[in-house]
N, C-alpha and C. Protein backbone atom coordinates (compact mmCIF):
# COMPACT_ATOMS: atom_id res chain seq x y z
N MET A 1 0.99 -1.15 0.03
CA MET A 1 -0.18 -0.18 -0.06
C MET A 1 0.62 1.29 -0.10
N LYS A 2 0.42 2.27 -1.07
CA LYS A 2 1.49 3.36 -0.78
C LYS A 2 0.46 4.53 -0.22
N LEU A 3 1.14 5.86 0.11
CA LEU A 3 0.43 7.09 0.71
C LEU A 3 -1.15 7.49 0.06
N HIS A 4 -0.70 7.22 -1.26
CA HIS A 4 -1.82 7.61 -2.25
C HIS A 4 -2.78 7.26 -2.31
N GLU A 5 -2.73 5.58 -1.79
CA GLU A 5 -3.67 5.02 -2.24
C GLU A 5 -4.51 4.51 -0.34
N LEU A 6 -4.14 5.40 0.36
CA LEU A 6 -4.94 5.27 1.33
C LEU A 6 -6.20 6.04 1.63
N THR A 7 -7.40 5.39 1.55
CA THR A 7 -8.59 6.25 1.87
C THR A 7 -9.20 5.99 3.64
N ALA A 8 -10.10 7.16 3.67
CA ALA A 8 -10.52 6.69 5.44
C ALA A 8 -11.64 5.48 5.13
N THR A 9 -12.16 5.24 6.06
CA THR A 9 -13.09 3.82 6.18
C THR A 9 -14.21 4.13 5.73
N PRO A 10 -14.96 3.53 4.98
CA PRO A 10 -16.62 4.03 4.46
C PRO A 10 -17.22 4.50 5.64
N GLY A 11 -18.24 5.39 5.73
CA GLY A 11 -18.87 5.63 6.74
C GLY A 11 -18.19 6.49 7.82
N SER A 12 -16.62 6.54 8.01
CA SER A 12 -16.21 7.18 8.94
C SER A 12 -16.27 8.84 9.02
N ARG A 13 -16.22 9.47 7.52
CA ARG A 13 -15.96 10.92 7.22
C ARG A 13 -17.73 11.05 6.67
N LYS A 14 -18.29 11.75 7.21
CA LYS A 14 -19.94 12.26 6.54
C LYS A 14 -19.90 13.81 6.65
N SER A 15 -20.30 14.19 5.22
CA SER A 15 -20.07 15.46 5.40
C SER A 15 -21.24 16.31 6.06
N ARG A 16 -20.95 17.46 6.57
CA ARG A 16 -22.07 18.23 7.49
C ARG A 16 -23.33 18.45 6.79
N GLN A 17 -24.33 18.75 8.17
CA GLN A 17 -25.63 18.56 7.30
C GLN A 17 -25.55 20.00 6.74
N ARG A 18 -26.44 20.18 5.63
CA ARG A 18 -26.67 21.64 5.11
C ARG A 18 -28.10 21.98 5.26
N VAL A 19 -28.01 23.10 6.31
CA VAL A 19 -29.98 22.99 6.87
C VAL A 19 -30.51 24.09 5.63
N GLY A 20 -31.70 24.50 5.25
CA GLY A 20 -32.95 25.46 5.25
C GLY A 20 -32.47 25.23 3.71
N ARG A 21 -32.35 24.07 2.88
CA ARG A 21 -32.45 23.76 2.00
C ARG A 21 -34.01 23.44 1.04
N GLY A 22 -34.56 24.07 1.82
CA GLY A 22 -36.20 23.22 1.24
C GLY A 22 -36.49 22.32 2.16
N ASP A 23 -38.07 22.27 1.99
CA ASP A 23 -38.76 21.51 2.85
C ASP A 23 -38.38 19.84 2.75
N GLY A 24 -38.14 19.82 1.49
CA GLY A 24 -38.03 17.76 0.98
C GLY A 24 -36.93 17.40 1.77
N SER A 25 -36.03 18.24 2.62
CA SER A 25 -34.73 17.74 3.11
C SER A 25 -35.29 17.87 4.57
N GLY A 26 -36.18 17.93 4.85
CA GLY A 26 -36.13 17.85 7.00
C GLY A 26 -36.14 18.91 7.31
N TRP A 27 -34.44 19.47 6.90
CA TRP A 27 -34.28 20.73 7.61
C TRP A 27 -34.25 21.88 6.81
N GLY A 28 -35.80 22.15 6.28
CA GLY A 28 -36.31 23.43 5.83
C GLY A 28 -36.87 24.50 6.70
N GLY A 29 -37.69 24.93 6.55
CA GLY A 29 -38.52 25.98 6.98
C GLY A 29 -37.69 26.90 7.98
N THR A 30 -37.59 26.18 9.50
CA THR A 30 -36.88 26.90 9.99
C THR A 30 -35.35 26.68 10.20
N ALA A 31 -35.19 25.63 9.67
CA ALA A 31 -33.51 25.00 9.44
C ALA A 31 -33.17 24.55 10.61
N GLY A 32 -33.81 23.95 11.95
CA GLY A 32 -33.53 23.82 13.29
C GLY A 32 -33.43 24.49 14.22
N ARG A 33 -33.55 25.87 14.01
CA ARG A 33 -33.89 26.84 14.64
C ARG A 33 -35.06 27.58 15.67
N GLY A 34 -35.89 26.64 15.45
CA GLY A 34 -37.26 27.01 16.25
C GLY A 34 -38.26 28.22 15.59
N HIS A 35 -38.83 28.66 16.19
CA HIS A 35 -39.57 29.47 15.94
C HIS A 35 -39.45 30.76 16.65
N LYS A 36 -39.27 31.97 15.64
CA LYS A 36 -38.97 33.12 16.40
C LYS A 36 -37.60 33.06 17.42
N GLY A 37 -37.51 34.31 18.24
CA GLY A 37 -36.63 34.29 19.49
C GLY A 37 -35.38 34.61 18.77
N GLN A 38 -34.34 35.13 20.01
CA GLN A 38 -32.98 35.84 19.25
C GLN A 38 -32.14 34.70 18.88
N ARG A 39 -32.44 33.53 19.34
CA ARG A 39 -31.47 33.03 19.10
C ARG A 39 -31.75 31.93 17.16
N SER A 40 -33.16 32.17 17.03
CA SER A 40 -33.19 32.22 15.39
C SER A 40 -33.00 32.96 14.26
N ARG A 41 -32.53 34.00 14.92
CA ARG A 41 -32.30 35.36 14.30
C ARG A 41 -30.35 35.18 13.73
N SER A 42 -30.08 35.65 12.53
CA SER A 42 -29.03 35.62 12.19
C SER A 42 -27.96 36.50 12.90
N GLY A 43 -27.01 36.07 13.48
CA GLY A 43 -26.14 37.06 13.79
C GLY A 43 -26.40 37.14 15.58
N ALA A 44 -26.98 36.28 16.30
CA ALA A 44 -27.20 36.15 17.56
C ALA A 44 -26.18 35.51 18.22
N ALA A 45 -25.77 36.46 19.35
CA ALA A 45 -24.86 35.67 19.82
C ALA A 45 -25.10 36.41 21.31
N ILE A 46 -25.31 35.37 22.19
CA ILE A 46 -25.99 35.68 23.32
C ILE A 46 -24.34 35.19 24.77
N ARG A 47 -24.15 35.91 25.78
CA ARG A 47 -22.45 35.47 26.31
C ARG A 47 -23.11 34.14 26.98
N HIS A 48 -22.14 33.53 27.22
CA HIS A 48 -22.52 31.86 27.61
C HIS A 48 -23.30 32.10 29.20
N HIS A 49 -23.01 33.52 29.95
CA HIS A 49 -23.72 33.14 31.48
C HIS A 49 -24.72 34.23 31.38
N PHE A 50 -25.78 34.11 30.22
CA PHE A 50 -26.52 34.67 30.21
C PHE A 50 -28.25 34.25 30.92
N GLU A 51 -28.53 34.96 32.00
CA GLU A 51 -30.12 33.57 32.21
C GLU A 51 -31.07 34.43 32.10
N GLY A 52 -31.01 35.12 30.64
CA GLY A 52 -32.70 35.47 30.34
C GLY A 52 -33.22 36.76 30.45
N GLY A 53 -32.22 37.54 31.33
CA GLY A 53 -32.63 38.73 31.97
C GLY A 53 -33.19 39.25 33.20
N GLN A 54 -32.90 37.73 34.07
CA GLN A 54 -33.00 37.69 35.74
C GLN A 54 -31.30 38.25 35.88
N THR A 55 -31.26 38.61 37.33
CA THR A 55 -29.86 39.24 38.01
C THR A 55 -29.10 38.10 37.59
N PRO A 56 -28.07 38.04 36.72
CA PRO A 56 -27.02 36.46 37.07
C PRO A 56 -26.59 36.76 38.29
N SER A 57 -26.32 35.21 38.13
CA SER A 57 -25.58 35.00 39.47
C SER A 57 -24.23 35.56 39.94
N PHE A 58 -23.75 35.95 39.17
CA PHE A 58 -22.40 36.76 39.52
C PHE A 58 -22.44 37.57 39.75
N ARG A 59 -23.68 38.79 39.82
CA ARG A 59 -24.31 39.62 40.99
C ARG A 59 -25.18 39.70 41.92
N ARG A 60 -25.82 38.19 41.77
CA ARG A 60 -26.99 38.12 42.90
C ARG A 60 -25.74 37.46 43.87
N ILE A 61 -24.79 36.95 43.93
CA ILE A 61 -24.00 36.07 45.02
C ILE A 61 -23.22 37.13 45.73
N PRO A 62 -23.17 37.16 46.96
CA PRO A 62 -21.66 38.06 47.76
C PRO A 62 -20.56 38.07 47.39
N LYS A 63 -19.66 38.63 47.21
CA LYS A 63 -18.09 38.67 46.99
C LYS A 63 -17.59 38.45 48.24
N ARG A 64 -16.52 37.69 48.33
CA ARG A 64 -15.72 37.79 49.70
C ARG A 64 -14.27 37.57 49.28
N GLY A 65 -13.70 38.44 50.49
CA GLY A 65 -12.23 37.80 50.26
C GLY A 65 -11.34 38.79 49.27
N PHE A 66 -10.15 38.21 48.52
CA PHE A 66 -9.12 38.87 47.70
C PHE A 66 -8.71 38.05 46.73
N ASN A 67 -8.65 37.61 45.61
CA ASN A 67 -8.42 36.86 44.61
C ASN A 67 -7.05 37.62 43.85
N SER A 68 -5.93 37.15 44.27
CA SER A 68 -4.96 37.72 43.55
C SER A 68 -4.47 37.01 42.40
N GLY A 69 -4.64 38.25 41.33
CA GLY A 69 -3.94 37.56 39.95
C GLY A 69 -2.85 37.75 39.61
N ILE A 70 -1.80 37.76 40.35
CA ILE A 70 -0.42 37.46 40.51
C ILE A 70 0.29 36.48 41.06
N LYS A 71 -0.74 34.93 41.47
CA LYS A 71 -0.61 33.79 42.24
C LYS A 71 0.48 33.14 41.43
N GLU A 72 1.77 32.99 42.11
CA GLU A 72 2.59 32.08 41.69
C GLU A 72 2.75 30.73 41.76
N ILE A 73 2.48 29.98 40.56
CA ILE A 73 2.08 28.64 40.75
C ILE A 73 3.59 27.56 40.29
N PHE A 74 3.80 26.57 40.88
CA PHE A 74 5.18 25.64 40.35
C PHE A 74 4.44 24.67 40.80
N ASN A 75 5.40 23.53 39.61
CA ASN A 75 5.51 22.22 40.20
C ASN A 75 6.14 21.68 41.39
N VAL A 76 5.28 21.12 42.37
CA VAL A 76 6.10 20.87 43.80
C VAL A 76 5.88 19.52 43.30
N VAL A 77 7.49 18.64 44.21
CA VAL A 77 7.76 17.33 44.57
C VAL A 77 8.37 17.47 46.29
N ASN A 78 8.06 16.88 46.93
CA ASN A 78 8.05 16.45 48.38
C ASN A 78 9.59 15.44 48.18
N VAL A 79 10.18 15.44 48.93
CA VAL A 79 11.18 14.26 49.70
C VAL A 79 11.33 13.31 49.24
N GLU A 80 9.97 12.98 49.91
CA GLU A 80 9.31 11.83 50.16
C GLU A 80 9.50 10.87 48.46
N GLN A 81 8.95 11.72 47.82
CA GLN A 81 8.86 11.16 46.48
C GLN A 81 9.87 10.77 45.89
N LEU A 82 11.20 11.69 45.94
CA LEU A 82 12.60 11.69 45.93
C LEU A 82 13.00 10.23 46.14
N ALA A 83 12.97 10.12 47.65
CA ALA A 83 13.46 9.02 48.61
C ALA A 83 12.88 7.95 47.23
N LYS A 84 11.45 7.55 47.16
CA LYS A 84 10.67 6.54 46.29
C LYS A 84 11.27 6.37 44.65
N ALA A 85 11.56 7.52 43.95
CA ALA A 85 12.15 7.35 42.96
C ALA A 85 13.08 7.28 42.46
N PHE A 86 14.02 7.37 43.07
CA PHE A 86 15.61 7.46 42.60
C PHE A 86 16.54 6.76 43.84
N LYS A 87 17.96 6.52 42.92
CA LYS A 87 18.35 5.68 43.85
C LYS A 87 19.60 6.73 44.71
N ALA A 88 20.71 6.37 45.82
CA ALA A 88 21.64 6.89 46.00
C ALA A 88 22.44 7.18 45.39
N GLY A 89 22.96 8.39 45.17
CA GLY A 89 24.13 8.93 44.15
C GLY A 89 23.75 9.83 42.70
N ASP A 90 22.35 9.17 42.78
CA ASP A 90 21.68 10.01 41.53
C ASP A 90 22.06 11.68 41.79
N VAL A 91 22.23 11.94 40.33
CA VAL A 91 21.80 13.42 40.02
C VAL A 91 20.00 13.96 39.59
N VAL A 92 19.36 14.39 40.50
CA VAL A 92 17.92 14.77 40.22
C VAL A 92 17.87 15.92 40.21
N ASP A 93 17.51 16.18 38.58
CA ASP A 93 17.15 17.38 38.07
C ASP A 93 15.52 17.53 37.35
N GLU A 94 15.33 18.42 36.87
CA GLU A 94 13.63 18.77 36.47
C GLU A 94 13.59 17.53 35.22
N MET A 95 14.15 17.01 34.64
CA MET A 95 13.99 16.29 33.06
C MET A 95 13.91 14.48 33.76
N ALA A 96 15.13 14.51 35.13
CA ALA A 96 14.94 13.42 35.47
C ALA A 96 13.65 13.36 36.64
N MET A 97 12.71 14.27 36.83
CA MET A 97 11.73 14.33 37.85
C MET A 97 10.71 13.43 36.81
N ARG A 98 10.78 14.07 35.47
CA ARG A 98 9.49 14.48 34.38
C ARG A 98 9.75 12.69 33.88
N LEU A 99 10.88 12.32 33.77
CA LEU A 99 11.02 10.77 33.04
C LEU A 99 10.80 10.12 34.06
N ALA A 100 9.93 10.33 35.60
CA ALA A 100 10.36 9.50 36.78
C ALA A 100 8.72 9.85 36.70
N ALA A 101 8.04 10.85 36.34
CA ALA A 101 6.27 11.00 36.22
C ALA A 101 6.40 11.62 37.64
N LEU A 102 7.07 12.36 38.28
CA LEU A 102 6.76 12.99 39.55
C LEU A 102 5.91 14.11 39.28
N ILE A 103 6.48 14.81 38.20
CA ILE A 103 6.03 16.08 37.29
C ILE A 103 5.51 15.91 35.77
N GLY A 104 4.31 16.78 35.79
CA GLY A 104 3.88 16.56 34.34
C GLY A 104 4.12 17.45 33.62
N LYS A 105 3.76 18.23 32.29
CA LYS A 105 4.10 18.77 31.39
C LYS A 105 3.91 20.39 31.66
N ARG A 106 3.16 20.81 33.13
CA ARG A 106 3.17 22.18 33.10
C ARG A 106 4.74 22.82 33.21
N GLN A 107 4.54 24.37 32.11
CA GLN A 107 5.55 24.53 32.45
C GLN A 107 5.92 25.66 33.93
N ALA A 108 6.44 25.18 34.59
CA ALA A 108 6.34 26.40 35.85
C ALA A 108 7.38 25.54 36.68
N PRO A 109 7.85 27.08 37.62
CA PRO A 109 9.07 26.48 37.94
C PRO A 109 9.16 25.32 39.60
N LEU A 110 10.22 24.90 39.86
CA LEU A 110 10.13 23.44 40.72
C LEU A 110 10.45 23.79 41.89
N LYS A 111 9.55 23.26 42.84
CA LYS A 111 10.04 23.50 44.32
C LYS A 111 9.99 22.31 44.71
N ILE A 112 11.19 21.75 45.67
CA ILE A 112 11.22 21.12 46.25
C ILE A 112 10.39 21.46 48.01
N LEU A 113 9.72 20.38 48.26
CA LEU A 113 9.10 20.70 49.59
C LEU A 113 9.33 19.56 50.45
N GLY A 114 9.71 19.97 51.85
CA GLY A 114 9.84 18.94 53.01
C GLY A 114 8.99 17.68 53.61
N ASN A 115 8.02 17.42 52.73
CA ASN A 115 7.33 16.49 53.24
C ASN A 115 7.57 14.92 53.11
N GLY A 116 7.49 14.43 54.95
CA GLY A 116 8.11 12.95 54.36
C GLY A 116 9.82 13.10 54.94
N GLU A 117 10.16 11.32 54.74
CA GLU A 117 11.58 11.42 55.11
C GLU A 117 12.27 10.80 53.75
N ILE A 118 13.52 11.64 53.96
CA ILE A 118 14.37 11.10 52.68
C ILE A 118 15.78 10.62 53.74
N ASN A 119 16.01 9.41 52.98
CA ASN A 119 17.55 8.74 53.88
C ASN A 119 18.38 8.58 53.09
N ILE A 120 18.21 8.96 51.59
CA ILE A 120 19.65 8.34 50.63
C ILE A 120 20.19 9.45 49.91
N ALA A 121 21.04 9.68 49.53
CA ALA A 121 21.97 11.00 49.67
C ALA A 121 21.80 10.91 47.91
N LEU A 122 21.49 12.39 47.75
CA LEU A 122 21.06 12.88 46.21
C LEU A 122 21.12 14.26 46.23
N LYS A 123 21.57 14.45 44.95
CA LYS A 123 22.23 15.75 44.44
C LYS A 123 21.13 16.00 43.69
N VAL A 124 20.09 17.29 44.12
CA VAL A 124 19.05 17.97 43.89
C VAL A 124 19.30 19.14 43.33
N LYS A 125 18.68 19.21 41.67
CA LYS A 125 18.47 20.72 41.30
C LYS A 125 17.05 21.00 40.83
N ALA A 126 17.02 22.16 41.60
CA ALA A 126 15.64 22.78 41.34
C ALA A 126 15.85 24.24 41.90
N ASN A 127 14.67 24.86 41.25
CA ASN A 127 14.40 26.22 41.06
C ASN A 127 14.16 27.15 42.63
N PHE A 128 13.86 25.87 43.41
CA PHE A 128 13.60 26.52 44.50
C PHE A 128 13.22 25.45 45.72
N PHE A 129 13.88 25.72 46.79
CA PHE A 129 13.52 24.32 47.75
C PHE A 129 13.17 25.38 49.22
N SER A 130 12.37 24.33 50.00
CA SER A 130 11.87 24.90 51.13
C SER A 130 13.04 25.00 52.20
N ALA A 131 13.07 25.64 53.49
CA ALA A 131 13.91 25.00 54.26
C ALA A 131 14.22 23.82 54.67
N THR A 132 13.06 23.12 55.47
CA THR A 132 13.10 21.81 55.93
C THR A 132 13.58 20.50 54.68
N ALA A 133 13.17 20.89 53.26
CA ALA A 133 13.41 20.36 52.30
C ALA A 133 14.91 20.44 52.01
N LYS A 134 15.41 21.30 52.15
CA LYS A 134 16.74 21.31 52.21
C LYS A 134 17.86 20.88 53.35
N ALA A 135 16.93 21.53 54.47
CA ALA A 135 17.44 20.34 55.52
C ALA A 135 17.69 18.59 55.95
N LYS A 136 16.69 18.49 55.04
CA LYS A 136 16.51 17.05 55.26
C LYS A 136 17.49 16.02 54.08
N ILE A 137 17.58 16.89 53.00
CA ILE A 137 18.40 16.16 51.87
C ILE A 137 19.53 16.14 52.49
N GLU A 138 20.34 17.75 52.91
CA GLU A 138 21.48 17.73 53.62
C GLU A 138 21.92 16.83 54.20
N ALA A 139 20.61 16.60 55.45
CA ALA A 139 21.12 15.68 56.70
C ALA A 139 21.47 14.25 56.04
N ALA A 140 20.73 13.87 54.82
CA ALA A 140 21.09 12.34 53.95
C ALA A 140 22.12 12.34 53.72
N GLY A 141 22.65 13.68 53.38
CA GLY A 141 24.19 13.39 53.02
C GLY A 141 24.20 13.87 51.72
N GLY A 142 23.05 13.79 51.41
CA GLY A 142 22.94 14.68 49.50
C GLY A 142 23.16 16.19 49.61
N SER A 143 23.01 16.84 48.28
CA SER A 143 23.39 18.23 48.03
C SER A 143 22.14 18.67 47.23
N VAL A 144 22.18 20.30 47.71
CA VAL A 144 21.08 20.95 46.87
C VAL A 144 21.89 22.04 46.05
N GLU A 145 21.30 22.28 45.12
CA GLU A 145 21.64 23.17 43.93
C GLU A 145 20.22 24.17 43.69
N GLU A 146 20.63 25.40 43.76
CA GLU A 146 19.14 26.28 43.12
C GLU A 146 19.70 26.34 41.82
N VAL A 147 19.08 26.22 40.71
CA VAL A 147 19.49 26.73 39.34
C VAL A 147 18.33 27.97 38.73
N CYS A 148 18.69 28.60 38.18
CA CYS A 148 17.71 29.65 38.01
C CYS A 148 16.38 29.27 37.00
N CYS A 149 15.16 29.65 37.07
CA CYS A 149 13.68 29.45 36.27
C CYS A 149 14.31 30.66 35.49
N CYS A 150 14.76 31.21 35.09
CA CYS A 150 14.80 32.62 34.37
C CYS A 150 13.34 33.04 33.86
N CYS A 151 12.90 33.08 35.26
CA CYS A 151 11.45 33.67 35.20
C CYS A 151 11.12 34.88 36.01
N CYS A 152 12.52 35.36 36.20
CA CYS A 152 12.87 36.33 37.37
C CYS A 152 13.80 37.68 36.37
N ASP A 153 14.08 39.00 37.38
CA ASP A 153 15.34 39.76 36.55
C ASP A 153 16.20 39.72 37.84
N CYS A 154 16.53 38.09 37.85
CA CYS A 154 17.96 37.98 38.71
C CYS A 154 19.33 38.62 37.76
N GLY A 155 19.29 38.76 36.90
CA GLY A 155 20.48 39.33 36.15
C GLY A 155 21.45 37.91 35.36
N CYS A 156 20.63 36.77 35.64
CA CYS A 156 21.77 35.90 35.34
C CYS A 156 22.16 35.52 33.90
N GLU A 157 22.99 34.33 33.44
CA GLU A 157 23.49 34.48 32.12
C GLU A 157 22.06 33.97 31.48
N ASP A 158 21.40 33.05 31.65
CA ASP A 158 19.97 32.49 31.04
C ASP A 158 18.97 33.46 30.91
N ALA A 159 18.93 34.38 31.84
CA ALA A 159 17.87 35.53 31.83
C ALA A 159 18.38 36.56 30.69
N SER A 160 19.75 37.01 30.63
CA SER A 160 20.34 37.94 29.34
C SER A 160 20.39 37.05 27.90
N ALA A 161 20.40 36.13 28.24
CA ALA A 161 20.51 35.56 26.88
C ALA A 161 19.11 35.43 26.34
N ASP A 162 18.01 35.18 27.14
CA ASP A 162 16.82 34.90 26.54
C ASP A 162 16.28 36.63 26.11
N GLN A 163 16.95 37.53 26.54
CA GLN A 163 16.73 39.07 26.38
C GLN A 163 17.03 39.59 25.21
N LYS A 164 18.08 38.79 24.63
CA LYS A 164 19.16 38.84 23.39
C LYS A 164 18.25 38.01 21.92
N ASP A 165 17.35 37.19 22.28
CA ASP A 165 16.52 36.39 21.25
C ASP A 165 15.64 37.56 20.74
């Protein structure tokens, strides 16, 4: 079989239904839009949270507190997870954690937290460490290295290289 001989399975690709093409088609007349009303007209655009004219829920329900628009999001890993996923002496960086499925695809700074116990020596490289995580890793005989995430104005080589591009 060659590329030009490939075809779709019969019945798998259905052409769209063209409406408003006469009563004989079954989709004539109102063309599936019903009788009258805003949604039957052309160009009708109703916002997704429109409630038919009654006071919408976002105005009825009281607001409380403060929602920061600048919340910082991290990829978070605990030392307990590192102890389970790696062997003593391993160099643990962001790529190693992705391969071990400790973090997903989200592109965010990596932070190591101190939940759980670690009793093997690892060399851990991450953007941020909590104080307890740093203490536990070093107490187990390992080392920590903070690497820049290039999302700050720290003046590092990586940040300046990004600005040149």
